[in-house]
Amino acid sequence: IKPGAVVMDVGINRLDSGKVVGDVDYAGAAKRAAYITPVPGGVGPMTVATLIQNTLQACEDYHDTSAQ
């Protein structure tokens, strides 16, 4: 990781202990990155919002009868 980089961890992994972690070694990356998203508590809500938005758009497109 380059010094000053922005790291967005979007991975979700559950350890045998039950702890949820991302794909990035947070402690190690935080030493070099200017910003880093945590897991959990990072980009998850934005991912959910985008999935809902895309689902609604697909539904609207599917039921659009003006093109028929």
Protein backbone atom coordinates (compact mmCIF):
# COMPACT_ATOMS: atom_id res chain seq x y z
CA ILE A 1 0.00 0.00 0.00
CA LYS A 2 1.41 3.35 -1.03
CA PRO A 3 1.72 5.95 1.73
CA GLY A 4 -1.33 8.19 1.70
CA ALA A 5 -3.50 5.73 -0.24
CA VAL A 6 -7.24 5.38 0.30
CA VAL A 7 -8.19 1.77 1.08
CA MET A 8 -11.79 0.63 0.69
CA ASP A 9 -12.22 -2.86 2.13
CA VAL A 10 -15.39 -4.42 0.74
CA GLY A 11 -14.61 -8.01 1.74
CA ILE A 12 -16.68 -9.87 4.33
CA ASN A 13 -15.19 -12.91 6.04
CA ARG A 14 -16.17 -14.71 9.22
CA LEU A 15 -13.34 -16.27 11.19
CA ASP A 16 -13.74 -19.57 13.06
CA SER A 17 -14.03 -17.45 16.21
CA GLY A 18 -17.12 -15.76 14.72
CA LYS A 19 -15.43 -12.39 14.26
CA VAL A 20 -16.26 -10.57 11.00
CA VAL A 21 -13.24 -9.15 9.16
CA GLY A 22 -12.46 -7.75 5.73
CA ASP A 23 -9.89 -8.77 3.13
CA VAL A 24 -7.37 -6.12 4.21
CA ASP A 25 -5.06 -6.34 7.24
CA TYR A 26 -6.59 -3.26 8.86
CA ALA A 27 -3.85 -2.68 11.44
CA GLY A 28 -1.09 -2.98 8.86
CA ALA A 29 -2.83 -0.94 6.18
CA ALA A 30 -3.79 1.83 8.61
CA LYS A 31 -0.10 2.54 9.20
CA ARG A 32 0.35 3.60 5.55
CA ALA A 33 -3.09 4.60 4.29
CA ALA A 34 -4.47 8.11 4.65
CA TYR A 35 -7.99 6.65 4.96
CA ILE A 36 -9.29 3.10 5.37
CA THR A 37 -12.81 1.72 5.70
CA PRO A 38 -13.41 -0.66 8.60
CA VAL A 39 -15.15 -4.04 8.44
CA PRO A 40 -17.77 -4.21 9.78
CA GLY A 41 -19.08 -0.66 9.75
CA GLY A 42 -17.61 0.52 6.47
CA VAL A 43 -19.15 0.49 3.01
CA GLY A 44 -21.85 -2.12 3.73
CA PRO A 45 -24.74 0.34 4.06
CA MET A 46 -23.78 1.96 0.75
CA THR A 47 -23.67 -1.47 -0.91
CA VAL A 48 -27.17 -2.27 0.36
CA ALA A 49 -28.53 1.12 -0.76
CA THR A 50 -27.06 0.64 -4.25
CA LEU A 51 -28.49 -2.88 -4.53
CA ILE A 52 -31.95 -1.60 -3.56
CA GLN A 53 -31.65 1.27 -6.06
CA ASN A 54 -30.64 -1.11 -8.86
CA THR A 55 -33.45 -3.54 -7.98
CA LEU A 56 -36.05 -0.77 -8.09
CA GLN A 57 -34.66 0.52 -11.39
CA ALA A 58 -34.79 -2.97 -12.90
CA CYS A 59 -38.39 -3.37 -11.73
CA GLU A 60 -39.36 -0.02 -13.24
CA ASP A 61 -37.62 -0.88 -16.51
CA TYR A 62 -39.31 -4.30 -16.63
CA HIS A 63 -42.78 -2.87 -16.07
CA ASP A 64 -42.34 0.13 -18.38
CA THR A 65 -45.08 -0.28 -20.98
CA SER A 66 -44.50 3.05 -22.75
CA ALA A 67 -41.93 1.41 -25.04
CA GLN A 68 -44.38 -1.31 -26.14
